[in-house]
Amino acid sequence: MPSCHAVIFRATRNPADDGYAVMAARMETLARQQPGFLGLESFGDGPESLTVSYWSSLEAIAAWRAHPEHQEAQRLGRERWYAGYSLRVATVEAELHFPEPERG
């Protein structure tokens, strides 16, 4: 997926779930419906996690960030679920795989 943007979200969660799993599932479903969404990868199932979402443009990222349900999730994340987090936006210029995917 060359020529796209990646949002890299690294988080440290608080111990209590308090609705986190339900909201995380909802945000993934909702993100997949947004114009410009290209894909998502998540790593880590404990207190430390990393989620990378891919978008076609910076405008698509801004629209997702401003989505009302996503803004509510952001607020709850700061108030309840995260001890801390970092967010980075990067441009993806190339993609390589080993082994190469089969083409059919």
N, C-alpha and C. Protein backbone atom coordinates (compact mmCIF):
# COMPACT_ATOMS: atom_id res chain seq x y z
N MET A 1 0.80 -1.18 0.00
CA MET A 1 0.00 0.00 0.00
C MET A 1 0.85 1.25 0.00
N PRO A 2 1.72 1.40 -0.98
CA PRO A 2 2.54 2.61 -1.06
C PRO A 2 1.70 3.87 -1.22
N SER A 3 2.32 4.99 -0.94
CA SER A 3 1.69 6.30 -1.08
C SER A 3 0.42 6.43 -0.25
N CYS A 4 0.54 6.13 1.02
CA CYS A 4 -0.57 6.32 1.95
C CYS A 4 0.00 6.85 3.25
N HIS A 5 -0.86 7.00 4.24
CA HIS A 5 -0.44 7.51 5.54
C HIS A 5 -0.79 6.49 6.61
N ALA A 6 0.08 6.38 7.60
CA ALA A 6 -0.13 5.46 8.71
C ALA A 6 -0.29 6.27 10.00
N VAL A 7 -1.29 5.90 10.79
CA VAL A 7 -1.46 6.46 12.13
C VAL A 7 -1.01 5.36 13.08
N ILE A 8 0.03 5.65 13.84
CA ILE A 8 0.64 4.67 14.74
C ILE A 8 0.26 5.06 16.17
N PHE A 9 -0.55 4.23 16.80
CA PHE A 9 -1.08 4.52 18.13
C PHE A 9 -0.54 3.49 19.11
N ARG A 10 0.32 3.93 20.02
CA ARG A 10 0.89 3.06 21.05
C ARG A 10 0.29 3.47 22.38
N ALA A 11 -0.25 2.49 23.11
CA ALA A 11 -0.97 2.83 24.35
C ALA A 11 -0.57 1.91 25.49
N THR A 12 -0.64 2.47 26.69
CA THR A 12 -0.54 1.72 27.93
C THR A 12 -1.88 1.87 28.63
N ARG A 13 -2.56 0.73 28.81
CA ARG A 13 -3.90 0.77 29.38
C ARG A 13 -3.88 0.67 30.89
N ASN A 14 -4.91 1.24 31.50
CA ASN A 14 -5.17 1.05 32.92
C ASN A 14 -5.70 -0.37 33.10
N PRO A 15 -5.61 -0.93 34.31
CA PRO A 15 -6.01 -2.33 34.52
C PRO A 15 -7.50 -2.63 34.26
N ALA A 16 -8.40 -1.73 34.62
CA ALA A 16 -9.83 -2.03 34.49
C ALA A 16 -10.28 -1.89 33.04
N ASP A 17 -11.11 -2.82 32.58
CA ASP A 17 -11.63 -2.76 31.21
C ASP A 17 -12.68 -1.67 31.10
N ASP A 18 -13.66 -1.67 31.97
CA ASP A 18 -14.67 -0.62 32.06
C ASP A 18 -15.26 -0.23 30.69
N GLY A 19 -15.54 -1.25 29.86
CA GLY A 19 -16.15 -0.99 28.56
C GLY A 19 -15.16 -0.80 27.42
N TYR A 20 -13.88 -0.95 27.69
CA TYR A 20 -12.86 -0.73 26.66
C TYR A 20 -13.02 -1.67 25.47
N ALA A 21 -13.18 -2.95 25.73
CA ALA A 21 -13.24 -3.94 24.64
C ALA A 21 -14.41 -3.65 23.70
N VAL A 22 -15.54 -3.28 24.25
CA VAL A 22 -16.72 -2.96 23.43
C VAL A 22 -16.44 -1.73 22.58
N MET A 23 -15.86 -0.70 23.18
CA MET A 23 -15.57 0.52 22.44
C MET A 23 -14.50 0.28 21.38
N ALA A 24 -13.48 -0.49 21.70
CA ALA A 24 -12.43 -0.78 20.72
C ALA A 24 -13.01 -1.49 19.50
N ALA A 25 -13.89 -2.45 19.73
CA ALA A 25 -14.52 -3.16 18.62
C ALA A 25 -15.38 -2.21 17.79
N ARG A 26 -16.10 -1.33 18.45
CA ARG A 26 -16.94 -0.37 17.74
C ARG A 26 -16.08 0.57 16.90
N MET A 27 -14.95 1.04 17.45
CA MET A 27 -14.09 1.96 16.72
C MET A 27 -13.49 1.29 15.49
N GLU A 28 -13.12 0.02 15.60
CA GLU A 28 -12.58 -0.69 14.44
C GLU A 28 -13.64 -0.81 13.36
N THR A 29 -14.85 -1.19 13.74
CA THR A 29 -15.95 -1.30 12.77
C THR A 29 -16.22 0.04 12.11
N LEU A 30 -16.27 1.08 12.90
CA LEU A 30 -16.56 2.42 12.38
C LEU A 30 -15.43 2.93 11.48
N ALA A 31 -14.18 2.71 11.88
CA ALA A 31 -13.04 3.16 11.07
C ALA A 31 -13.07 2.51 9.70
N ARG A 32 -13.40 1.24 9.66
CA ARG A 32 -13.44 0.52 8.38
C ARG A 32 -14.49 1.08 7.43
N GLN A 33 -15.46 1.80 7.94
CA GLN A 33 -16.52 2.39 7.12
C GLN A 33 -16.17 3.80 6.62
N GLN A 34 -15.07 4.36 7.09
CA GLN A 34 -14.74 5.75 6.76
C GLN A 34 -14.11 5.87 5.38
N PRO A 35 -14.47 6.91 4.64
CA PRO A 35 -13.80 7.16 3.36
C PRO A 35 -12.30 7.33 3.58
N GLY A 36 -11.51 6.68 2.75
CA GLY A 36 -10.07 6.79 2.83
C GLY A 36 -9.40 5.76 3.72
N PHE A 37 -10.18 4.95 4.44
CA PHE A 37 -9.59 3.90 5.28
C PHE A 37 -9.05 2.79 4.38
N LEU A 38 -7.81 2.34 4.66
CA LEU A 38 -7.18 1.32 3.83
C LEU A 38 -6.89 0.02 4.57
N GLY A 39 -6.76 0.07 5.90
CA GLY A 39 -6.44 -1.15 6.63
C GLY A 39 -6.03 -0.86 8.07
N LEU A 40 -5.87 -1.95 8.84
CA LEU A 40 -5.59 -1.84 10.27
C LEU A 40 -4.80 -3.05 10.72
N GLU A 41 -3.82 -2.82 11.56
CA GLU A 41 -3.05 -3.89 12.20
C GLU A 41 -2.96 -3.56 13.69
N SER A 42 -3.18 -4.56 14.54
CA SER A 42 -3.07 -4.36 15.99
C SER A 42 -2.16 -5.42 16.57
N PHE A 43 -1.36 -5.01 17.55
CA PHE A 43 -0.41 -5.89 18.20
C PHE A 43 -0.50 -5.66 19.70
N GLY A 44 -0.52 -6.76 20.46
CA GLY A 44 -0.52 -6.67 21.91
C GLY A 44 -1.92 -6.78 22.47
N ASP A 45 -2.07 -7.66 23.45
CA ASP A 45 -3.38 -7.87 24.06
C ASP A 45 -3.33 -7.62 25.56
N GLY A 46 -2.22 -7.09 26.03
CA GLY A 46 -2.08 -6.80 27.45
C GLY A 46 -2.16 -5.31 27.67
N PRO A 47 -1.47 -4.83 28.69
CA PRO A 47 -1.52 -3.40 28.98
C PRO A 47 -0.82 -2.55 27.91
N GLU A 48 0.13 -3.13 27.18
CA GLU A 48 0.83 -2.40 26.11
C GLU A 48 0.27 -2.85 24.77
N SER A 49 -0.09 -1.91 23.92
CA SER A 49 -0.61 -2.26 22.60
C SER A 49 -0.13 -1.27 21.56
N LEU A 50 -0.16 -1.72 20.32
CA LEU A 50 0.21 -0.89 19.18
C LEU A 50 -0.82 -1.14 18.09
N THR A 51 -1.41 -0.08 17.59
CA THR A 51 -2.37 -0.18 16.49
C THR A 51 -1.91 0.76 15.39
N VAL A 52 -1.85 0.23 14.18
CA VAL A 52 -1.47 1.03 13.01
C VAL A 52 -2.65 1.00 12.05
N SER A 53 -3.17 2.17 11.73
CA SER A 53 -4.23 2.25 10.72
C SER A 53 -3.66 2.99 9.51
N TYR A 54 -4.16 2.62 8.34
CA TYR A 54 -3.66 3.17 7.08
C TYR A 54 -4.77 3.94 6.38
N TRP A 55 -4.41 5.10 5.84
CA TRP A 55 -5.38 6.02 5.25
C TRP A 55 -4.86 6.56 3.93
N SER A 56 -5.77 6.91 3.05
CA SER A 56 -5.41 7.40 1.73
C SER A 56 -4.89 8.83 1.74
N SER A 57 -5.26 9.61 2.76
CA SER A 57 -4.87 11.02 2.78
C SER A 57 -4.86 11.56 4.21
N LEU A 58 -4.20 12.69 4.37
CA LEU A 58 -4.22 13.37 5.67
C LEU A 58 -5.62 13.89 5.97
N GLU A 59 -6.37 14.24 4.94
CA GLU A 59 -7.75 14.71 5.12
C GLU A 59 -8.63 13.59 5.67
N ALA A 60 -8.42 12.37 5.20
CA ALA A 60 -9.19 11.23 5.71
C ALA A 60 -8.87 10.99 7.19
N ILE A 61 -7.61 11.15 7.56
CA ILE A 61 -7.21 11.01 8.97
C ILE A 61 -7.89 12.10 9.81
N ALA A 62 -7.88 13.32 9.32
CA ALA A 62 -8.50 14.43 10.05
C ALA A 62 -10.01 14.20 10.22
N ALA A 63 -10.65 13.69 9.18
CA ALA A 63 -12.09 13.42 9.27
C ALA A 63 -12.36 12.32 10.30
N TRP A 64 -11.53 11.29 10.34
CA TRP A 64 -11.69 10.23 11.33
C TRP A 64 -11.49 10.77 12.73
N ARG A 65 -10.46 11.57 12.90
CA ARG A 65 -10.20 12.14 14.23
C ARG A 65 -11.37 12.99 14.71
N ALA A 66 -12.05 13.67 13.78
CA ALA A 66 -13.16 14.55 14.13
C ALA A 66 -14.51 13.84 14.21
N HIS A 67 -14.57 12.56 13.85
CA HIS A 67 -15.84 11.84 13.88
C HIS A 67 -16.39 11.86 15.31
N PRO A 68 -17.68 12.20 15.51
CA PRO A 68 -18.22 12.34 16.86
C PRO A 68 -18.06 11.10 17.75
N GLU A 69 -18.29 9.92 17.23
CA GLU A 69 -18.12 8.71 18.06
C GLU A 69 -16.65 8.49 18.40
N HIS A 70 -15.76 8.79 17.46
CA HIS A 70 -14.34 8.64 17.73
C HIS A 70 -13.88 9.68 18.76
N GLN A 71 -14.43 10.88 18.69
CA GLN A 71 -14.08 11.89 19.69
C GLN A 71 -14.52 11.45 21.09
N GLU A 72 -15.68 10.83 21.18
CA GLU A 72 -16.15 10.31 22.48
C GLU A 72 -15.21 9.21 22.98
N ALA A 73 -14.78 8.34 22.09
CA ALA A 73 -13.84 7.28 22.47
C ALA A 73 -12.51 7.89 22.93
N GLN A 74 -12.07 8.93 22.25
CA GLN A 74 -10.83 9.61 22.66
C GLN A 74 -10.97 10.18 24.07
N ARG A 75 -12.10 10.83 24.33
CA ARG A 75 -12.34 11.40 25.66
C ARG A 75 -12.33 10.32 26.73
N LEU A 76 -13.05 9.24 26.48
CA LEU A 76 -13.10 8.14 27.46
C LEU A 76 -11.73 7.49 27.63
N GLY A 77 -10.98 7.42 26.55
CA GLY A 77 -9.62 6.87 26.65
C GLY A 77 -8.77 7.66 27.61
N ARG A 78 -8.81 8.98 27.48
CA ARG A 78 -8.02 9.83 28.39
C ARG A 78 -8.54 9.75 29.83
N GLU A 79 -9.87 9.66 30.00
CA GLU A 79 -10.45 9.66 31.35
C GLU A 79 -10.39 8.29 32.04
N ARG A 80 -10.54 7.20 31.28
CA ARG A 80 -10.70 5.88 31.90
C ARG A 80 -9.65 4.85 31.54
N TRP A 81 -9.34 4.73 30.24
CA TRP A 81 -8.67 3.52 29.76
C TRP A 81 -7.17 3.60 29.64
N TYR A 82 -6.62 4.79 29.39
CA TYR A 82 -5.19 4.87 29.11
C TYR A 82 -4.41 5.53 30.23
N ALA A 83 -3.33 4.87 30.63
CA ALA A 83 -2.37 5.48 31.53
C ALA A 83 -1.50 6.44 30.73
N GLY A 84 -1.37 6.16 29.44
CA GLY A 84 -0.61 7.03 28.54
C GLY A 84 -0.68 6.49 27.13
N TYR A 85 -0.38 7.36 26.16
CA TYR A 85 -0.34 6.91 24.77
C TYR A 85 0.50 7.88 23.96
N SER A 86 0.93 7.41 22.80
CA SER A 86 1.57 8.28 21.81
C SER A 86 0.93 8.00 20.47
N LEU A 87 0.88 9.01 19.65
CA LEU A 87 0.27 8.89 18.33
C LEU A 87 1.22 9.55 17.33
N ARG A 88 1.51 8.83 16.28
CA ARG A 88 2.37 9.35 15.22
C ARG A 88 1.65 9.18 13.89
N VAL A 89 1.85 10.12 12.99
CA VAL A 89 1.34 10.01 11.63
C VAL A 89 2.57 9.99 10.72
N ALA A 90 2.62 8.98 9.85
CA ALA A 90 3.77 8.81 8.96
C ALA A 90 3.29 8.56 7.54
N THR A 91 4.14 8.89 6.60
CA THR A 91 3.86 8.60 5.20
C THR A 91 4.51 7.27 4.84
N VAL A 92 3.73 6.39 4.24
CA VAL A 92 4.24 5.10 3.77
C VAL A 92 4.67 5.28 2.33
N GLU A 93 5.94 5.06 2.07
CA GLU A 93 6.45 5.27 0.72
C GLU A 93 6.72 3.97 -0.01
N ALA A 94 6.81 2.87 0.72
CA ALA A 94 7.07 1.58 0.09
C ALA A 94 6.56 0.48 0.99
N GLU A 95 6.31 -0.68 0.41
CA GLU A 95 5.88 -1.86 1.16
C GLU A 95 6.56 -3.08 0.56
N LEU A 96 7.20 -3.87 1.40
CA LEU A 96 7.89 -5.09 0.97
C LEU A 96 7.37 -6.26 1.78
N HIS A 97 7.39 -7.44 1.20
CA HIS A 97 6.95 -8.65 1.89
C HIS A 97 7.95 -9.77 1.67
N PHE A 98 8.14 -10.59 2.66
CA PHE A 98 8.88 -11.83 2.51
C PHE A 98 8.11 -12.90 3.25
N PRO A 99 7.78 -14.00 2.63
CA PRO A 99 7.90 -14.20 1.19
C PRO A 99 6.87 -13.36 0.45
N GLU A 100 7.10 -13.19 -0.83
CA GLU A 100 6.16 -12.44 -1.66
C GLU A 100 4.81 -13.13 -1.66
N PRO A 101 3.71 -12.35 -1.58
CA PRO A 101 2.37 -12.98 -1.64
C PRO A 101 2.16 -13.66 -2.98
N GLU A 102 1.44 -14.76 -2.95
CA GLU A 102 1.12 -15.45 -4.20
C GLU A 102 0.15 -14.62 -4.99
N ARG A 103 0.33 -14.57 -6.25
CA ARG A 103 -0.57 -13.82 -7.14
C ARG A 103 -1.32 -14.84 -7.98
N GLY A 104 -2.63 -14.64 -8.06
CA GLY A 104 -3.40 -15.65 -8.77
C GLY A 104 -4.41 -15.17 -9.66
